[in-house]
Structure formats: structure tokens, C-alpha cells
Amino acid sequence: MQPKRIILVRHGESEANVDPVVYSRVPDHLIHLTEAGRGQAREAGRKVAALIGEEAFGVYASPYLRTLETKDSLLEGMGRQPVFDYQDPSLREQEYGNMPTPEASAANRELREKCGNFFYRFPEGESCADVYDRMCSFLESLFRQFERPDSPENIVIVSHGTAIKCFLMRWFHWTVEKFERLVQLPNCHVALLRAVDGRMELVDPILNGKKEG
């Protein structure tokens, strides 16, 4: 059955959010949350708990360390456990290349501004268009979950900023132009899709300033 809600949560503040040089010495998938990030995740958990009440929920998470730590702290804040807790590599961060130096990262991001955010592919990495393709694959898995008779009323997805925006772009058939106008999501931002009259409606003022259905 279609869930009542799909709740998308960006990971909490990471060590690399505080010091981007971390990207050049730690593989991206092994970067930890900060203590502040864990606190943000617990607060996000309390927000999610307020949204769903006592209803059942399941969790999908990116396998990156910072998203798994966010998920664990989010569940701590909720004070409850999900009916399922899956990791899905499709939800991973956009790949920016293998441990680039700060100088290379700055040059790549400058070039991305000239070429366009959605289609620019980082050397040894991905474009946002590649992440979009991954979200198409993830949605197939998600829809199969919806078909299960025991599928919970709420789905919580813990991922990364670009992946979340690409998920929403695919779900709502947004254009590339609209994607380019989306803002960067704050750490532990919670975006809510809720079922209204048989379809999912987005309630998220940071993404687009209005309801989207």
C-alpha cells in the first residue's frame, strides 16, 4: 500500500562540513558526524516522532558512516525502533572523486558553476544526473516495498542533500531548470511527503517555498 508519509532526512553535521580538508585524507564513506551532528539527528528524530505518532515506520539509509550515525541518533531521538532498517547504496552521496585535494575540489566546483550543476561530472566521480539515475533504481525498490501487505504507514529515508533533491526531482518530474534553483539543504533537514487524495504532496518551504503535488 502507498504509505501515509515519506520522510526524507539529510545527515547531520559531519567532520567534513566543519573542515573540508577532511575530504582529502578520509574516504568520503568513512567520515563521521560531529557531536553537534548527533544532537541535530536526535532533534530530527523528535520531529519525525511528532509527525507519525504511534504509527509503524521503516527506514532506508545510505551506507555512508555519517548517514548511519544520523539514523542511529534519529532513532534514539524517536525512542522507537522501525519495522525494518535497510541500507541501500543507491542513496549514497554524489561521488566527487577519490579524496581530491582542497585545490582540486575548489577548481572542480568553480568549473561546475560554469558548466551547470546538474550535468557536470566530477573527475573520477559523478554528475547530479548520475545520482538521478540511481534514484530511479531506488524508487523501483521502494515501490516493491509498497506492494507488501505488511508495508508500514511511514517510510523514513536518511540520505544526502543531492540524493534527496534528485529523489524529489524524479518523484515530481521536476525539470533540470527547477533542480538548478533548489537550495542546499541544511544538516538534518526534514522533508515531508504526505498522502493527500491518493497522491503524495511535498511540504517543504526550503526546497520550493510551497506545497508540491
C-alpha atoms as a PDB file:
ATOM      1  CA  MET A   1       0.000   0.000   0.000  1.00  0.00           C
ATOM      2  CA  GLN A   2       1.117   3.575  -0.536  1.00  0.00           C
ATOM      3  CA  PRO A   3       2.392   4.958   2.768  1.00  0.00           C
ATOM      4  CA  LYS A   4       0.831   7.885   4.561  1.00  0.00           C
ATOM      5  CA  ARG A   5       4.185   9.652   4.642  1.00  0.00           C
ATOM      6  CA  ILE A   6       7.674   9.523   3.169  1.00  0.00           C
ATOM      7  CA  ILE A   7      10.100  11.470   5.359  1.00  0.00           C
ATOM      8  CA  LEU A   8      13.478  12.450   3.912  1.00  0.00           C
ATOM      9  CA  VAL A   9      16.285  13.421   6.296  1.00  0.00           C
ATOM     10  CA  ARG A  10      19.697  14.771   5.351  1.00  0.00           C
ATOM     11  CA  HIS A  11      22.572  13.605   7.558  1.00  0.00           C
ATOM     12  CA  GLY A  12      23.736  15.714  10.491  1.00  0.00           C
ATOM     13  CA  GLU A  13      26.801  17.930  10.594  1.00  0.00           C
ATOM     14  CA  SER A  14      29.854  15.902   9.584  1.00  0.00           C
ATOM     15  CA  GLU A  15      33.545  16.396  10.290  1.00  0.00           C
ATOM     16  CA  ALA A  16      33.990  17.455   6.653  1.00  0.00           C
ATOM     17  CA  ASN A  17      31.176  20.008   6.920  1.00  0.00           C
ATOM     18  CA  VAL A  18      33.273  21.681   9.611  1.00  0.00           C
ATOM     19  CA  ASP A  19      36.663  21.176   7.895  1.00  0.00           C
ATOM     20  CA  PRO A  20      36.505  20.379   4.140  1.00  0.00           C
ATOM     21  CA  VAL A  21      40.187  19.352   4.180  1.00  0.00           C
ATOM     22  CA  VAL A  22      38.947  16.095   5.742  1.00  0.00           C
ATOM     23  CA  TYR A  23      37.829  15.014   2.258  1.00  0.00           C
ATOM     24  CA  SER A  24      41.474  14.834   1.154  1.00  0.00           C
ATOM     25  CA  ARG A  25      42.557  12.458   3.929  1.00  0.00           C
ATOM     26  CA  VAL A  26      39.471  10.352   4.771  1.00  0.00           C
ATOM     27  CA  PRO A  27      37.412   8.359   2.230  1.00  0.00           C
ATOM     28  CA  ASP A  28      34.018  10.025   1.884  1.00  0.00           C
ATOM     29  CA  HIS A  29      32.077   6.983   3.099  1.00  0.00           C
ATOM     30  CA  LEU A  30      34.089   6.869   6.354  1.00  0.00           C
ATOM     31  CA  ILE A  31      33.544  10.469   7.507  1.00  0.00           C
ATOM     32  CA  HIS A  32      31.915  10.713  10.958  1.00  0.00           C
ATOM     33  CA  LEU A  33      29.314  13.053  12.380  1.00  0.00           C
ATOM     34  CA  THR A  34      30.369  15.683  14.868  1.00  0.00           C
ATOM     35  CA  GLU A  35      28.805  15.739  18.320  1.00  0.00           C
ATOM     36  CA  ALA A  36      26.704  18.651  17.106  1.00  0.00           C
ATOM     37  CA  GLY A  37      25.572  16.468  14.197  1.00  0.00           C
ATOM     38  CA  ARG A  38      24.472  13.717  16.556  1.00  0.00           C
ATOM     39  CA  GLY A  39      22.460  16.278  18.504  1.00  0.00           C
ATOM     40  CA  GLN A  40      20.857  17.508  15.272  1.00  0.00           C
ATOM     41  CA  ALA A  41      19.887  13.925  14.421  1.00  0.00           C
ATOM     42  CA  ARG A  42      18.289  13.334  17.803  1.00  0.00           C
ATOM     43  CA  GLU A  43      16.273  16.525  17.369  1.00  0.00           C
ATOM     44  CA  ALA A  44      15.241  15.387  13.879  1.00  0.00           C
ATOM     45  CA  GLY A  45      14.108  12.130  15.463  1.00  0.00           C
ATOM     46  CA  ARG A  46      11.848  14.027  17.821  1.00  0.00           C
ATOM     47  CA  LYS A  47      10.365  15.897  14.846  1.00  0.00           C
ATOM     48  CA  VAL A  48       9.731  12.646  12.986  1.00  0.00           C
ATOM     49  CA  ALA A  49       8.145  11.098  16.088  1.00  0.00           C
ATOM     50  CA  ALA A  50       5.788  14.069  16.341  1.00  0.00           C
ATOM     51  CA  LEU A  51       4.783  13.619  12.680  1.00  0.00           C
ATOM     52  CA  ILE A  52       3.938   9.919  12.831  1.00  0.00           C
ATOM     53  CA  GLY A  53       2.742   9.438  16.411  1.00  0.00           C
ATOM     54  CA  GLU A  54       2.440   5.734  17.244  1.00  0.00           C
ATOM     55  CA  GLU A  55       2.229   4.588  13.621  1.00  0.00           C
ATOM     56  CA  ALA A  56       4.655   2.000  12.250  1.00  0.00           C
ATOM     57  CA  PHE A  57       7.644   3.075  10.182  1.00  0.00           C
ATOM     58  CA  GLY A  58      10.520   1.597   8.212  1.00  0.00           C
ATOM     59  CA  VAL A  59      13.940   3.105   7.493  1.00  0.00           C
ATOM     60  CA  TYR A  60      16.170   3.227   4.427  1.00  0.00           C
ATOM     61  CA  ALA A  61      19.649   4.725   4.829  1.00  0.00           C
ATOM     62  CA  SER A  62      22.720   5.426   2.758  1.00  0.00           C
ATOM     63  CA  PRO A  63      25.561   3.090   3.831  1.00  0.00           C
ATOM     64  CA  TYR A  64      27.927   6.029   4.436  1.00  0.00           C
ATOM     65  CA  LEU A  65      29.100   6.284   8.037  1.00  0.00           C
ATOM     66  CA  ARG A  66      27.664   9.745   8.662  1.00  0.00           C
ATOM     67  CA  THR A  67      24.199   8.684   7.452  1.00  0.00           C
ATOM     68  CA  LEU A  68      24.252   5.506   9.541  1.00  0.00           C
ATOM     69  CA  GLU A  69      25.268   7.550  12.597  1.00  0.00           C
ATOM     70  CA  THR A  70      22.469  10.006  11.772  1.00  0.00           C
ATOM     71  CA  LYS A  71      19.990   7.145  11.525  1.00  0.00           C
ATOM     72  CA  ASP A  72      21.071   5.695  14.879  1.00  0.00           C
ATOM     73  CA  SER A  73      20.810   9.069  16.633  1.00  0.00           C
ATOM     74  CA  LEU A  74      17.491   9.794  14.893  1.00  0.00           C
ATOM     75  CA  LEU A  75      16.063   6.519  16.241  1.00  0.00           C
ATOM     76  CA  GLU A  76      17.409   7.446  19.682  1.00  0.00           C
ATOM     77  CA  GLY A  77      15.521  10.736  19.438  1.00  0.00           C
ATOM     78  CA  MET A  78      12.358   8.918  18.349  1.00  0.00           C
ATOM     79  CA  GLY A  79      12.616   6.446  21.205  1.00  0.00           C
ATOM     80  CA  ARG A  80      11.313   3.671  18.952  1.00  0.00           C
ATOM     81  CA  GLN A  81      12.589   1.030  16.546  1.00  0.00           C
ATOM     82  CA  PRO A  82      11.477   0.575  12.906  1.00  0.00           C
ATOM     83  CA  VAL A  83       9.794  -2.493  11.475  1.00  0.00           C
ATOM     84  CA  PHE A  84      12.702  -2.674   9.015  1.00  0.00           C
ATOM     85  CA  ASP A  85      16.095  -0.980   8.814  1.00  0.00           C
ATOM     86  CA  TYR A  86      17.665  -1.263   5.344  1.00  0.00           C
ATOM     87  CA  GLN A  87      20.867   0.118   3.864  1.00  0.00           C
ATOM     88  CA  ASP A  88      20.717   0.971   0.155  1.00  0.00           C
ATOM     89  CA  PRO A  89      23.859   2.063  -1.762  1.00  0.00           C
ATOM     90  CA  SER A  90      21.649   3.929  -4.253  1.00  0.00           C
ATOM     91  CA  LEU A  91      21.130   6.534  -1.522  1.00  0.00           C
ATOM     92  CA  ARG A  92      24.854   7.318  -1.179  1.00  0.00           C
ATOM     93  CA  GLU A  93      26.399  10.764  -1.575  1.00  0.00           C
ATOM     94  CA  GLN A  94      27.210  12.161  -5.007  1.00  0.00           C
ATOM     95  CA  GLU A  95      30.755  10.988  -5.742  1.00  0.00           C
ATOM     96  CA  TYR A  96      33.128  13.954  -6.048  1.00  0.00           C
ATOM     97  CA  GLY A  97      36.252  11.948  -6.953  1.00  0.00           C
ATOM     98  CA  ASN A  98      38.708   9.930  -4.917  1.00  0.00           C
ATOM     99  CA  MET A  99      39.975  12.034  -1.986  1.00  0.00           C
ATOM    100  CA  PRO A 100      40.701  15.197  -4.012  1.00  0.00           C
ATOM    101  CA  THR A 101      42.993  17.890  -2.632  1.00  0.00           C
ATOM    102  CA  PRO A 102      41.357  21.132  -1.463  1.00  0.00           C
ATOM    103  CA  GLU A 103      42.799  22.889  -4.525  1.00  0.00           C
ATOM    104  CA  ALA A 104      41.327  20.290  -6.898  1.00  0.00           C
ATOM    105  CA  SER A 105      37.965  20.441  -5.138  1.00  0.00           C
ATOM    106  CA  ALA A 106      37.848  24.226  -5.458  1.00  0.00           C
ATOM    107  CA  ALA A 107      38.784  24.089  -9.155  1.00  0.00           C
ATOM    108  CA  ASN A 108      36.169  21.405  -9.868  1.00  0.00           C
ATOM    109  CA  ARG A 109      33.422  23.331  -8.106  1.00  0.00           C
ATOM    110  CA  GLU A 110      34.339  26.513  -9.961  1.00  0.00           C
ATOM    111  CA  LEU A 111      34.128  24.635 -13.262  1.00  0.00           C
ATOM    112  CA  ARG A 112      30.787  23.143 -12.195  1.00  0.00           C
ATOM    113  CA  GLU A 113      29.398  26.662 -11.775  1.00  0.00           C
ATOM    114  CA  LYS A 114      30.344  27.398 -15.385  1.00  0.00           C
ATOM    115  CA  CYS A 115      29.063  24.114 -16.836  1.00  0.00           C
ATOM    116  CA  GLY A 116      25.880  23.747 -14.786  1.00  0.00           C
ATOM    117  CA  ASN A 117      25.335  21.859 -11.575  1.00  0.00           C
ATOM    118  CA  PHE A 118      23.114  19.050 -12.878  1.00  0.00           C
ATOM    119  CA  PHE A 119      25.198  17.762 -15.789  1.00  0.00           C
ATOM    120  CA  TYR A 120      28.756  18.484 -14.617  1.00  0.00           C
ATOM    121  CA  ARG A 121      30.581  15.242 -13.810  1.00  0.00           C
ATOM    122  CA  PHE A 122      33.427  15.409 -11.306  1.00  0.00           C
ATOM    123  CA  PRO A 123      36.668  13.713 -12.435  1.00  0.00           C
ATOM    124  CA  GLU A 124      36.564  10.110 -11.126  1.00  0.00           C
ATOM    125  CA  GLY A 125      33.119  10.957  -9.787  1.00  0.00           C
ATOM    126  CA  GLU A 126      29.502  11.595 -10.726  1.00  0.00           C
ATOM    127  CA  SER A 127      27.170  14.259 -12.005  1.00  0.00           C
ATOM    128  CA  CYS A 128      23.809  15.011 -10.419  1.00  0.00           C
ATOM    129  CA  ALA A 129      22.334  13.324 -13.495  1.00  0.00           C
ATOM    130  CA  ASP A 130      24.100  10.115 -12.421  1.00  0.00           C
ATOM    131  CA  VAL A 131      22.598  10.442  -8.944  1.00  0.00           C
ATOM    132  CA  TYR A 132      19.178  10.956 -10.557  1.00  0.00           C
ATOM    133  CA  ASP A 133      19.605   7.642 -12.389  1.00  0.00           C
ATOM    134  CA  ARG A 134      20.360   5.952  -9.068  1.00  0.00           C
ATOM    135  CA  MET A 135      17.156   7.383  -7.599  1.00  0.00           C
ATOM    136  CA  CYS A 136      15.185   5.782 -10.444  1.00  0.00           C
ATOM    137  CA  SER A 137      16.599   2.417  -9.365  1.00  0.00           C
ATOM    138  CA  PHE A 138      15.866   3.118  -5.702  1.00  0.00           C
ATOM    139  CA  LEU A 139      12.252   4.035  -6.470  1.00  0.00           C
ATOM    140  CA  GLU A 140      11.754   0.633  -8.078  1.00  0.00           C
ATOM    141  CA  SER A 141      12.796  -0.990  -4.798  1.00  0.00           C
ATOM    142  CA  LEU A 142      10.608   1.414  -2.851  1.00  0.00           C
ATOM    143  CA  PHE A 143       7.532   0.637  -4.934  1.00  0.00           C
ATOM    144  CA  ARG A 144       8.109  -3.085  -4.428  1.00  0.00           C
ATOM    145  CA  GLN A 145       8.114  -2.404  -0.696  1.00  0.00           C
ATOM    146  CA  PHE A 146       4.791  -0.566  -1.025  1.00  0.00           C
ATOM    147  CA  GLU A 147       3.270  -3.698  -2.574  1.00  0.00           C
ATOM    148  CA  ARG A 148       3.974  -5.783   0.518  1.00  0.00           C
ATOM    149  CA  PRO A 149       0.863  -6.318   2.670  1.00  0.00           C
ATOM    150  CA  ASP A 150       2.895  -5.584   5.816  1.00  0.00           C
ATOM    151  CA  SER A 151       4.466  -2.377   4.472  1.00  0.00           C
ATOM    152  CA  PRO A 152       4.407   0.284   7.236  1.00  0.00           C
ATOM    153  CA  GLU A 153       2.435   3.513   7.137  1.00  0.00           C
ATOM    154  CA  ASN A 154       5.583   5.647   7.162  1.00  0.00           C
ATOM    155  CA  ILE A 155       8.921   5.449   5.336  1.00  0.00           C
ATOM    156  CA  VAL A 156      11.956   7.357   6.646  1.00  0.00           C
ATOM    157  CA  ILE A 157      14.884   7.860   4.246  1.00  0.00           C
ATOM    158  CA  VAL A 158      18.223   9.080   5.641  1.00  0.00           C
ATOM    159  CA  SER A 159      20.489  10.273   2.858  1.00  0.00           C
ATOM    160  CA  HIS A 160      22.467  13.225   1.463  1.00  0.00           C
ATOM    161  CA  GLY A 161      21.473  16.634   0.127  1.00  0.00           C
ATOM    162  CA  THR A 162      21.966  15.961  -3.586  1.00  0.00           C
ATOM    163  CA  ALA A 163      20.400  12.495  -3.374  1.00  0.00           C
ATOM    164  CA  ILE A 164      17.321  13.901  -1.635  1.00  0.00           C
ATOM    165  CA  LYS A 165      16.887  16.615  -4.248  1.00  0.00           C
ATOM    166  CA  CYS A 166      17.297  14.062  -7.059  1.00  0.00           C
ATOM    167  CA  PHE A 167      14.752  11.779  -5.369  1.00  0.00           C
ATOM    168  CA  LEU A 168      12.219  14.621  -5.315  1.00  0.00           C
ATOM    169  CA  MET A 169      13.081  15.641  -8.858  1.00  0.00           C
ATOM    170  CA  ARG A 170      12.310  12.114 -10.062  1.00  0.00           C
ATOM    171  CA  TRP A 171       9.168  11.723  -7.919  1.00  0.00           C
ATOM    172  CA  PHE A 172       7.599  15.002  -9.036  1.00  0.00           C
ATOM    173  CA  HIS A 173       9.058  15.081 -12.574  1.00  0.00           C
ATOM    174  CA  TRP A 174      10.806  18.392 -11.966  1.00  0.00           C
ATOM    175  CA  THR A 175      12.794  19.958 -14.779  1.00  0.00           C
ATOM    176  CA  VAL A 176      16.555  20.445 -14.786  1.00  0.00           C
ATOM    177  CA  GLU A 177      15.908  24.185 -14.565  1.00  0.00           C
ATOM    178  CA  LYS A 178      13.944  23.717 -11.354  1.00  0.00           C
ATOM    179  CA  PHE A 179      16.644  21.469  -9.921  1.00  0.00           C
ATOM    180  CA  GLU A 180      19.236  24.185 -10.560  1.00  0.00           C
ATOM    181  CA  ARG A 181      17.177  26.614  -8.455  1.00  0.00           C
ATOM    182  CA  LEU A 182      16.966  24.336  -5.403  1.00  0.00           C
ATOM    183  CA  VAL A 183      18.937  25.461  -2.372  1.00  0.00           C
ATOM    184  CA  GLN A 184      21.439  23.411  -0.387  1.00  0.00           C
ATOM    185  CA  LEU A 185      19.635  21.533   2.379  1.00  0.00           C
ATOM    186  CA  PRO A 186      20.792  22.222   5.952  1.00  0.00           C
ATOM    187  CA  ASN A 187      22.135  19.331   8.011  1.00  0.00           C
ATOM    188  CA  CYS A 188      19.307  17.149   9.360  1.00  0.00           C
ATOM    189  CA  HIS A 189      16.731  18.946   7.253  1.00  0.00           C
ATOM    190  CA  VAL A 190      13.427  17.016   7.310  1.00  0.00           C
ATOM    191  CA  ALA A 191      11.334  16.999   4.122  1.00  0.00           C
ATOM    192  CA  LEU A 192       7.836  15.536   4.310  1.00  0.00           C
ATOM    193  CA  LEU A 193       5.808  13.880   1.569  1.00  0.00           C
ATOM    194  CA  ARG A 194       2.273  13.102   2.726  1.00  0.00           C
ATOM    195  CA  ALA A 195      -0.593  11.297   1.037  1.00  0.00           C
ATOM    196  CA  VAL A 196      -3.461  13.606   0.062  1.00  0.00           C
ATOM    197  CA  ASP A 197      -6.350  12.333  -2.091  1.00  0.00           C
ATOM    198  CA  GLY A 198      -4.345   9.417  -3.451  1.00  0.00           C
ATOM    199  CA  ARG A 199      -1.145  11.230  -4.300  1.00  0.00           C
ATOM    200  CA  MET A 200       1.931  12.415  -2.429  1.00  0.00           C
ATOM    201  CA  GLU A 201       2.238  16.116  -1.611  1.00  0.00           C
ATOM    202  CA  LEU A 202       5.523  17.764  -0.637  1.00  0.00           C
ATOM    203  CA  VAL A 203       5.510  20.152   2.315  1.00  0.00           C
ATOM    204  CA  ASP A 204       8.933  21.764   2.379  1.00  0.00           C
ATOM    205  CA  PRO A 205       9.429  25.555   2.353  1.00  0.00           C
ATOM    206  CA  ILE A 206      13.211  25.309   1.981  1.00  0.00           C
ATOM    207  CA  LEU A 207      13.046  23.317  -1.233  1.00  0.00           C
ATOM    208  CA  ASN A 208      10.479  25.298  -3.146  1.00  0.00           C
ATOM    209  CA  GLY A 209       8.524  27.632  -0.915  1.00  0.00           C
ATOM    210  CA  LYS A 210       5.153  25.950  -1.400  1.00  0.00           C
ATOM    211  CA  LYS A 211       3.323  22.642  -1.452  1.00  0.00           C
ATOM    212  CA  GLU A 212       4.181  20.405  -4.373  1.00  0.00           C
ATOM    213  CA  GLY A 213       1.983  17.595  -5.602  1.00  0.00           C
END
